[in-house]
């Protein structure tokens, strides 16, 4: 019901999302009371009562040196390191990454096929050559699994489901990475989330001068606001590299 949906949103979406869900529910309730209910002539929940959306916090992304340190850290389970590499070098969402099977890899032509996405549209694109070499080694390490087997088996992750972000931050610490913007929550700054590995992909791609079409083929649709945010991050990364 509407009440349970609001409660679920409150637990996962933060204070603003909770207020907005309540506003939506009340607005809809009084609209129905007016028509078709004919119980009221007007609604006390006007559009002026809609809670203002807060300014987005600063989200992080990894620097190339940080990813290298993370992938080389032997304290981090191998499966998690492979997942991190996949996330950064493909830009796929977590759900799409977990749904990847060996059937979707074409080592001969260097392509990767993702059949599940948030938009419901399948994707096939050329993969990074270094990533393909990593996946070929992972294929042998796994004992040449069947085509229907997942690239990353949850049992190999050694991580509680829905705790991937916490595991990522702990793995960064194990790799000797102490950048506070990634690990500590502060005013208007959000700690690194697993989803920010996707942001890392977009930021690096823009830094390399990749076009929007190339990026969209791998990530799906990006809003103008998100493109602007990633573009700013890419310029910052360029400044850091050339200092």
C-alpha atoms as a PDB file:
ATOM      1  CA  UNK A   1       0.000   0.000   0.000  1.00  0.00           C
ATOM      2  CA  UNK A   2       0.944   3.664  -0.105  1.00  0.00           C
ATOM      3  CA  UNK A   3       1.930   3.668   3.579  1.00  0.00           C
ATOM      4  CA  UNK A   4       4.312   0.731   3.205  1.00  0.00           C
ATOM      5  CA  UNK A   5       5.837   2.293   0.099  1.00  0.00           C
ATOM      6  CA  UNK A   6       6.487   5.496   2.003  1.00  0.00           C
ATOM      7  CA  UNK A   7       8.105   3.579   4.857  1.00  0.00           C
ATOM      8  CA  UNK A   8      10.367   1.738   2.448  1.00  0.00           C
ATOM      9  CA  UNK A   9      11.371   4.985   0.796  1.00  0.00           C
ATOM     10  CA  UNK A  10      12.101   6.544   4.158  1.00  0.00           C
ATOM     11  CA  UNK A  11      14.491   3.738   5.038  1.00  0.00           C
ATOM     12  CA  UNK A  12      16.454   3.931   1.805  1.00  0.00           C
ATOM     13  CA  UNK A  13      16.025   7.337   0.253  1.00  0.00           C
ATOM     14  CA  UNK A  14      16.884   9.873   2.921  1.00  0.00           C
ATOM     15  CA  UNK A  15      14.937  12.681   4.566  1.00  0.00           C
ATOM     16  CA  UNK A  16      13.982  14.554   1.378  1.00  0.00           C
ATOM     17  CA  UNK A  17      12.677  11.427  -0.333  1.00  0.00           C
ATOM     18  CA  UNK A  18      10.546  10.639   2.722  1.00  0.00           C
ATOM     19  CA  UNK A  19       9.020  14.128   2.747  1.00  0.00           C
ATOM     20  CA  UNK A  20       8.440  14.027  -0.998  1.00  0.00           C
ATOM     21  CA  UNK A  21       6.728  10.624  -0.821  1.00  0.00           C
ATOM     22  CA  UNK A  22       4.411  11.904   1.922  1.00  0.00           C
ATOM     23  CA  UNK A  23       3.652  15.019  -0.138  1.00  0.00           C
ATOM     24  CA  UNK A  24       2.868  12.906  -3.221  1.00  0.00           C
ATOM     25  CA  UNK A  25       0.582  10.584  -1.247  1.00  0.00           C
ATOM     26  CA  UNK A  26      -1.338  13.422   0.407  1.00  0.00           C
ATOM     27  CA  UNK A  27      -1.607  15.369  -2.851  1.00  0.00           C
ATOM     28  CA  UNK A  28      -3.007  12.313  -4.609  1.00  0.00           C
ATOM     29  CA  UNK A  29      -5.380  11.531  -1.740  1.00  0.00           C
ATOM     30  CA  UNK A  30      -7.006  14.977  -1.823  1.00  0.00           C
ATOM     31  CA  UNK A  31      -7.129  14.949  -5.635  1.00  0.00           C
ATOM     32  CA  UNK A  32      -9.148  11.737  -5.452  1.00  0.00           C
ATOM     33  CA  UNK A  33     -11.363  13.251  -2.780  1.00  0.00           C
ATOM     34  CA  UNK A  34     -12.187  16.073  -5.212  1.00  0.00           C
ATOM     35  CA  UNK A  35     -12.621  13.882  -8.246  1.00  0.00           C
ATOM     36  CA  UNK A  36     -14.049  11.296  -8.573  1.00  0.00           C
ATOM     37  CA  UNK A  37     -14.929  11.266  -4.848  1.00  0.00           C
ATOM     38  CA  UNK A  38     -16.724  14.659  -4.845  1.00  0.00           C
ATOM     39  CA  UNK A  39     -16.017  14.927  -1.124  1.00  0.00           C
ATOM     40  CA  UNK A  40     -14.132  18.237  -1.382  1.00  0.00           C
ATOM     41  CA  UNK A  41     -14.027  21.294  -3.602  1.00  0.00           C
ATOM     42  CA  UNK A  42     -10.332  22.027  -3.142  1.00  0.00           C
ATOM     43  CA  UNK A  43      -7.105  20.554  -1.833  1.00  0.00           C
ATOM     44  CA  UNK A  44      -5.173  21.885   1.170  1.00  0.00           C
ATOM     45  CA  UNK A  45      -2.016  20.281  -0.252  1.00  0.00           C
ATOM     46  CA  UNK A  46      -0.985  22.762  -2.933  1.00  0.00           C
ATOM     47  CA  UNK A  47       2.030  22.558  -5.199  1.00  0.00           C
ATOM     48  CA  UNK A  48       3.608  25.295  -3.098  1.00  0.00           C
ATOM     49  CA  UNK A  49       3.871  22.798  -0.245  1.00  0.00           C
ATOM     50  CA  UNK A  50       6.072  20.491  -2.302  1.00  0.00           C
ATOM     51  CA  UNK A  51       9.329  20.082  -0.350  1.00  0.00           C
ATOM     52  CA  UNK A  52      12.220  21.808  -2.158  1.00  0.00           C
ATOM     53  CA  UNK A  53      14.817  19.436  -3.486  1.00  0.00           C
ATOM     54  CA  UNK A  54      18.139  19.876  -1.694  1.00  0.00           C
ATOM     55  CA  UNK A  55      21.277  20.670  -3.591  1.00  0.00           C
ATOM     56  CA  UNK A  56      23.061  17.451  -4.578  1.00  0.00           C
ATOM     57  CA  UNK A  57      26.081  16.557  -2.450  1.00  0.00           C
ATOM     58  CA  UNK A  58      29.539  16.123  -3.898  1.00  0.00           C
ATOM     59  CA  UNK A  59      29.938  12.505  -5.008  1.00  0.00           C
ATOM     60  CA  UNK A  60      33.357  10.957  -5.378  1.00  0.00           C
ATOM     61  CA  UNK A  61      35.196   8.945  -7.971  1.00  0.00           C
ATOM     62  CA  UNK A  62      38.492   7.108  -7.996  1.00  0.00           C
ATOM     63  CA  UNK A  63      41.746   8.446  -9.366  1.00  0.00           C
ATOM     64  CA  UNK A  64      43.609   6.020 -11.673  1.00  0.00           C
ATOM     65  CA  UNK A  65      46.340   5.482  -9.076  1.00  0.00           C
ATOM     66  CA  UNK A  66      43.712   4.555  -6.479  1.00  0.00           C
ATOM     67  CA  UNK A  67      42.120   1.945  -8.723  1.00  0.00           C
ATOM     68  CA  UNK A  68      45.534   0.435  -9.474  1.00  0.00           C
ATOM     69  CA  UNK A  69      46.294   0.216  -5.744  1.00  0.00           C
ATOM     70  CA  UNK A  70      42.897  -1.372  -5.096  1.00  0.00           C
ATOM     71  CA  UNK A  71      43.280  -3.992  -7.831  1.00  0.00           C
ATOM     72  CA  UNK A  72      46.776  -4.901  -6.627  1.00  0.00           C
ATOM     73  CA  UNK A  73      45.783  -5.328  -2.971  1.00  0.00           C
ATOM     74  CA  UNK A  74      46.045  -9.019  -2.109  1.00  0.00           C
ATOM     75  CA  UNK A  75      43.979  -8.530   1.043  1.00  0.00           C
ATOM     76  CA  UNK A  76      40.913  -7.900  -1.142  1.00  0.00           C
ATOM     77  CA  UNK A  77      39.183 -11.075  -2.412  1.00  0.00           C
ATOM     78  CA  UNK A  78      39.933 -11.699  -6.083  1.00  0.00           C
ATOM     79  CA  UNK A  79      36.256 -11.770  -7.083  1.00  0.00           C
ATOM     80  CA  UNK A  80      35.703  -8.314  -5.624  1.00  0.00           C
ATOM     81  CA  UNK A  81      38.733  -6.954  -7.456  1.00  0.00           C
ATOM     82  CA  UNK A  82      37.389  -8.354 -10.733  1.00  0.00           C
ATOM     83  CA  UNK A  83      34.005  -6.768 -10.010  1.00  0.00           C
ATOM     84  CA  UNK A  84      35.626  -3.392  -9.314  1.00  0.00           C
ATOM     85  CA  UNK A  85      37.529  -3.576 -12.598  1.00  0.00           C
ATOM     86  CA  UNK A  86      34.338  -4.482 -14.467  1.00  0.00           C
ATOM     87  CA  UNK A  87      32.447  -1.589 -12.882  1.00  0.00           C
ATOM     88  CA  UNK A  88      35.084   1.014 -13.683  1.00  0.00           C
ATOM     89  CA  UNK A  89      35.902  -0.157 -17.209  1.00  0.00           C
ATOM     90  CA  UNK A  90      32.338  -0.822 -18.409  1.00  0.00           C
ATOM     91  CA  UNK A  91      30.222   1.788 -16.608  1.00  0.00           C
ATOM     92  CA  UNK A  92      27.455  -0.767 -16.034  1.00  0.00           C
ATOM     93  CA  UNK A  93      25.159  -0.574 -13.030  1.00  0.00           C
ATOM     94  CA  UNK A  94      25.483  -3.105 -10.225  1.00  0.00           C
ATOM     95  CA  UNK A  95      22.409  -5.042 -11.350  1.00  0.00           C
ATOM     96  CA  UNK A  96      23.767  -5.359 -14.881  1.00  0.00           C
ATOM     97  CA  UNK A  97      27.190  -6.425 -13.607  1.00  0.00           C
ATOM     98  CA  UNK A  98      25.723  -9.154 -11.423  1.00  0.00           C
ATOM     99  CA  UNK A  99      23.656 -10.430 -14.367  1.00  0.00           C
ATOM    100  CA  UNK A 100      26.651 -10.818 -16.711  1.00  0.00           C
ATOM    101  CA  UNK A 101      27.406 -14.382 -17.807  1.00  0.00           C
ATOM    102  CA  UNK A 102      30.343 -15.864 -19.658  1.00  0.00           C
ATOM    103  CA  UNK A 103      28.109 -16.221 -22.720  1.00  0.00           C
ATOM    104  CA  UNK A 104      28.174 -12.442 -23.019  1.00  0.00           C
ATOM    105  CA  UNK A 105      31.946 -12.322 -23.533  1.00  0.00           C
ATOM    106  CA  UNK A 106      33.502 -12.629 -26.984  1.00  0.00           C
ATOM    107  CA  UNK A 107      37.235 -12.917 -26.412  1.00  0.00           C
ATOM    108  CA  UNK A 108      37.946 -13.218 -30.132  1.00  0.00           C
ATOM    109  CA  UNK A 109      36.376  -9.873 -31.035  1.00  0.00           C
ATOM    110  CA  UNK A 110      36.790  -8.172 -27.659  1.00  0.00           C
ATOM    111  CA  UNK A 111      33.114  -7.435 -27.055  1.00  0.00           C
ATOM    112  CA  UNK A 112      30.876  -7.654 -24.025  1.00  0.00           C
ATOM    113  CA  UNK A 113      27.093  -8.153 -24.073  1.00  0.00           C
ATOM    114  CA  UNK A 114      24.854  -7.102 -21.196  1.00  0.00           C
ATOM    115  CA  UNK A 115      21.291  -8.377 -21.494  1.00  0.00           C
ATOM    116  CA  UNK A 116      19.872  -6.755 -18.353  1.00  0.00           C
ATOM    117  CA  UNK A 117      19.757  -3.029 -17.726  1.00  0.00           C
ATOM    118  CA  UNK A 118      17.671  -0.440 -15.914  1.00  0.00           C
ATOM    119  CA  UNK A 119      16.170   0.670 -19.222  1.00  0.00           C
ATOM    120  CA  UNK A 120      15.396  -2.918 -20.258  1.00  0.00           C
ATOM    121  CA  UNK A 121      17.516  -2.569 -23.392  1.00  0.00           C
ATOM    122  CA  UNK A 122      20.382  -5.029 -24.076  1.00  0.00           C
ATOM    123  CA  UNK A 123      23.828  -3.589 -24.717  1.00  0.00           C
ATOM    124  CA  UNK A 124      26.814  -4.833 -26.700  1.00  0.00           C
ATOM    125  CA  UNK A 125      30.017  -2.843 -26.976  1.00  0.00           C
ATOM    126  CA  UNK A 126      33.747  -3.175 -27.454  1.00  0.00           C
ATOM    127  CA  UNK A 127      35.526  -3.754 -24.181  1.00  0.00           C
ATOM    128  CA  UNK A 128      38.833  -2.409 -22.927  1.00  0.00           C
ATOM    129  CA  UNK A 129      41.690  -4.682 -24.074  1.00  0.00           C
ATOM    130  CA  UNK A 130      43.241  -4.806 -20.603  1.00  0.00           C
ATOM    131  CA  UNK A 131      39.891  -5.745 -19.093  1.00  0.00           C
ATOM    132  CA  UNK A 132      39.489  -8.575 -21.606  1.00  0.00           C
ATOM    133  CA  UNK A 133      42.920  -9.934 -20.631  1.00  0.00           C
ATOM    134  CA  UNK A 134      41.895  -9.779 -16.974  1.00  0.00           C
ATOM    135  CA  UNK A 135      38.627 -11.608 -17.695  1.00  0.00           C
ATOM    136  CA  UNK A 136      40.450 -14.258 -19.736  1.00  0.00           C
ATOM    137  CA  UNK A 137      42.727 -14.905 -16.754  1.00  0.00           C
ATOM    138  CA  UNK A 138      39.691 -14.939 -14.454  1.00  0.00           C
ATOM    139  CA  UNK A 139      38.033 -17.467 -16.768  1.00  0.00           C
ATOM    140  CA  UNK A 140      40.987 -19.833 -16.385  1.00  0.00           C
ATOM    141  CA  UNK A 141      41.213 -19.161 -12.647  1.00  0.00           C
ATOM    142  CA  UNK A 142      37.560 -20.172 -12.298  1.00  0.00           C
ATOM    143  CA  UNK A 143      38.200 -23.463 -14.091  1.00  0.00           C
ATOM    144  CA  UNK A 144      36.653 -22.461 -17.444  1.00  0.00           C
ATOM    145  CA  UNK A 145      33.037 -22.262 -16.221  1.00  0.00           C
ATOM    146  CA  UNK A 146      29.978 -22.933 -18.375  1.00  0.00           C
ATOM    147  CA  UNK A 147      28.668 -20.217 -20.680  1.00  0.00           C
ATOM    148  CA  UNK A 148      25.577 -19.790 -18.501  1.00  0.00           C
ATOM    149  CA  UNK A 149      27.603 -19.229 -15.322  1.00  0.00           C
ATOM    150  CA  UNK A 150      27.828 -15.684 -13.913  1.00  0.00           C
ATOM    151  CA  UNK A 151      31.061 -13.759 -14.325  1.00  0.00           C
ATOM    152  CA  UNK A 152      30.994 -12.980 -10.628  1.00  0.00           C
ATOM    153  CA  UNK A 153      29.422 -15.581  -8.361  1.00  0.00           C
ATOM    154  CA  UNK A 154      27.944 -14.013  -5.185  1.00  0.00           C
ATOM    155  CA  UNK A 155      29.514 -16.775  -3.086  1.00  0.00           C
ATOM    156  CA  UNK A 156      32.966 -15.660  -4.249  1.00  0.00           C
ATOM    157  CA  UNK A 157      32.366 -12.053  -3.258  1.00  0.00           C
ATOM    158  CA  UNK A 158      32.772 -12.704   0.470  1.00  0.00           C
ATOM    159  CA  UNK A 159      30.463  -9.763   1.023  1.00  0.00           C
ATOM    160  CA  UNK A 160      26.980  -9.390   2.492  1.00  0.00           C
ATOM    161  CA  UNK A 161      24.460  -8.466  -0.224  1.00  0.00           C
ATOM    162  CA  UNK A 162      23.620  -4.746  -0.275  1.00  0.00           C
ATOM    163  CA  UNK A 163      26.826  -4.048   1.659  1.00  0.00           C
ATOM    164  CA  UNK A 164      29.024  -3.609  -1.406  1.00  0.00           C
ATOM    165  CA  UNK A 165      29.643   0.080  -0.672  1.00  0.00           C
ATOM    166  CA  UNK A 166      30.893  -0.659   2.827  1.00  0.00           C
ATOM    167  CA  UNK A 167      33.097  -3.460   1.489  1.00  0.00           C
ATOM    168  CA  UNK A 168      34.473  -1.106  -1.180  1.00  0.00           C
ATOM    169  CA  UNK A 169      35.463   1.515   1.374  1.00  0.00           C
ATOM    170  CA  UNK A 170      37.054  -1.119   3.598  1.00  0.00           C
ATOM    171  CA  UNK A 171      38.958  -2.494   0.604  1.00  0.00           C
ATOM    172  CA  UNK A 172      40.212   0.993  -0.250  1.00  0.00           C
ATOM    173  CA  UNK A 173      41.503   1.333   3.293  1.00  0.00           C
ATOM    174  CA  UNK A 174      43.225  -2.063   2.999  1.00  0.00           C
ATOM    175  CA  UNK A 175      44.873  -0.802  -0.185  1.00  0.00           C
ATOM    176  CA  UNK A 176      46.335   2.151   1.710  1.00  0.00           C
ATOM    177  CA  UNK A 177      43.944   4.759   0.316  1.00  0.00           C
ATOM    178  CA  UNK A 178      43.011   7.323   2.954  1.00  0.00           C
ATOM    179  CA  UNK A 179      41.463  10.188   0.943  1.00  0.00           C
ATOM    180  CA  UNK A 180      38.836  11.585   3.300  1.00  0.00           C
ATOM    181  CA  UNK A 181      36.438  12.572   0.491  1.00  0.00           C
ATOM    182  CA  UNK A 182      36.027   8.856  -0.275  1.00  0.00           C
ATOM    183  CA  UNK A 183      35.800   7.441   3.208  1.00  0.00           C
ATOM    184  CA  UNK A 184      34.333  10.064   5.534  1.00  0.00           C
ATOM    185  CA  UNK A 185      30.897  11.653   5.463  1.00  0.00           C
ATOM    186  CA  UNK A 186      30.943  15.430   5.773  1.00  0.00           C
ATOM    187  CA  UNK A 187      28.700  18.387   5.031  1.00  0.00           C
ATOM    188  CA  UNK A 188      27.623  18.226   1.370  1.00  0.00           C
ATOM    189  CA  UNK A 189      30.010  15.336   0.718  1.00  0.00           C
ATOM    190  CA  UNK A 190      28.848  11.736   0.363  1.00  0.00           C
ATOM    191  CA  UNK A 191      31.138   8.804   1.076  1.00  0.00           C
ATOM    192  CA  UNK A 192      32.086   6.666  -1.905  1.00  0.00           C
ATOM    193  CA  UNK A 193      29.234   4.403  -3.020  1.00  0.00           C
ATOM    194  CA  UNK A 194      29.486   1.365  -5.259  1.00  0.00           C
ATOM    195  CA  UNK A 195      27.544   3.359  -7.872  1.00  0.00           C
ATOM    196  CA  UNK A 196      30.429   5.850  -7.919  1.00  0.00           C
ATOM    197  CA  UNK A 197      32.542   3.288  -9.767  1.00  0.00           C
ATOM    198  CA  UNK A 198      30.156   3.998 -12.647  1.00  0.00           C
ATOM    199  CA  UNK A 199      30.783   7.714 -12.098  1.00  0.00           C
ATOM    200  CA  UNK A 200      34.493   6.938 -12.263  1.00  0.00           C
ATOM    201  CA  UNK A 201      33.985   5.366 -15.689  1.00  0.00           C
ATOM    202  CA  UNK A 202      32.117   8.411 -17.029  1.00  0.00           C
ATOM    203  CA  UNK A 203      34.608  10.869 -15.538  1.00  0.00           C
ATOM    204  CA  UNK A 204      37.579   9.036 -17.052  1.00  0.00           C
ATOM    205  CA  UNK A 205      35.806   8.720 -20.415  1.00  0.00           C
ATOM    206  CA  UNK A 206      35.127  12.449 -20.540  1.00  0.00           C
ATOM    207  CA  UNK A 207      38.712  13.116 -19.502  1.00  0.00           C
ATOM    208  CA  UNK A 208      39.801  11.051 -22.540  1.00  0.00           C
ATOM    209  CA  UNK A 209      37.555  13.105 -24.795  1.00  0.00           C
ATOM    210  CA  UNK A 210      34.994  10.353 -25.475  1.00  0.00           C
ATOM    211  CA  UNK A 211      31.774  11.569 -27.044  1.00  0.00           C
ATOM    212  CA  UNK A 212      28.346  11.407 -25.451  1.00  0.00           C
ATOM    213  CA  UNK A 213      27.235   8.667 -27.851  1.00  0.00           C
ATOM    214  CA  UNK A 214      30.163   6.427 -26.891  1.00  0.00           C
ATOM    215  CA  UNK A 215      29.447   6.952 -23.204  1.00  0.00           C
ATOM    216  CA  UNK A 216      25.682   6.507 -23.590  1.00  0.00           C
ATOM    217  CA  UNK A 217      26.178   3.175 -25.383  1.00  0.00           C
ATOM    218  CA  UNK A 218      27.645   1.847 -22.155  1.00  0.00           C
ATOM    219  CA  UNK A 219      25.790   3.738 -19.459  1.00  0.00           C
ATOM    220  CA  UNK A 220      22.397   4.457 -20.995  1.00  0.00           C
ATOM    221  CA  UNK A 221      20.776   7.866 -20.829  1.00  0.00           C
ATOM    222  CA  UNK A 222      22.434  10.596 -18.788  1.00  0.00           C
ATOM    223  CA  UNK A 223      20.566  13.771 -17.901  1.00  0.00           C
ATOM    224  CA  UNK A 224      22.127  17.126 -18.837  1.00  0.00           C
ATOM    225  CA  UNK A 225      22.659  17.787 -15.123  1.00  0.00           C
ATOM    226  CA  UNK A 226      24.596  14.537 -14.693  1.00  0.00           C
ATOM    227  CA  UNK A 227      26.662  15.188 -17.834  1.00  0.00           C
ATOM    228  CA  UNK A 228      27.561  18.623 -16.492  1.00  0.00           C
ATOM    229  CA  UNK A 229      28.555  17.129 -13.126  1.00  0.00           C
ATOM    230  CA  UNK A 230      30.780  14.497 -14.746  1.00  0.00           C
ATOM    231  CA  UNK A 231      32.289  17.105 -17.066  1.00  0.00           C
ATOM    232  CA  UNK A 232      33.289  19.240 -14.062  1.00  0.00           C
ATOM    233  CA  UNK A 233      34.841  16.192 -12.415  1.00  0.00           C
ATOM    234  CA  UNK A 234      36.740  15.394 -15.625  1.00  0.00           C
ATOM    235  CA  UNK A 235      38.178  18.921 -15.740  1.00  0.00           C
ATOM    236  CA  UNK A 236      39.252  18.563 -12.106  1.00  0.00           C
ATOM    237  CA  UNK A 237      40.951  15.259 -12.916  1.00  0.00           C
ATOM    238  CA  UNK A 238      42.756  16.900 -15.832  1.00  0.00           C
ATOM    239  CA  UNK A 239      43.977  19.693 -13.563  1.00  0.00           C
ATOM    240  CA  UNK A 240      45.275  17.161 -11.031  1.00  0.00           C
ATOM    241  CA  UNK A 241      47.102  15.123 -13.669  1.00  0.00           C
ATOM    242  CA  UNK A 242      48.872  18.063 -15.235  1.00  0.00           C
ATOM    243  CA  UNK A 243      49.901  19.833 -12.055  1.00  0.00           C
END
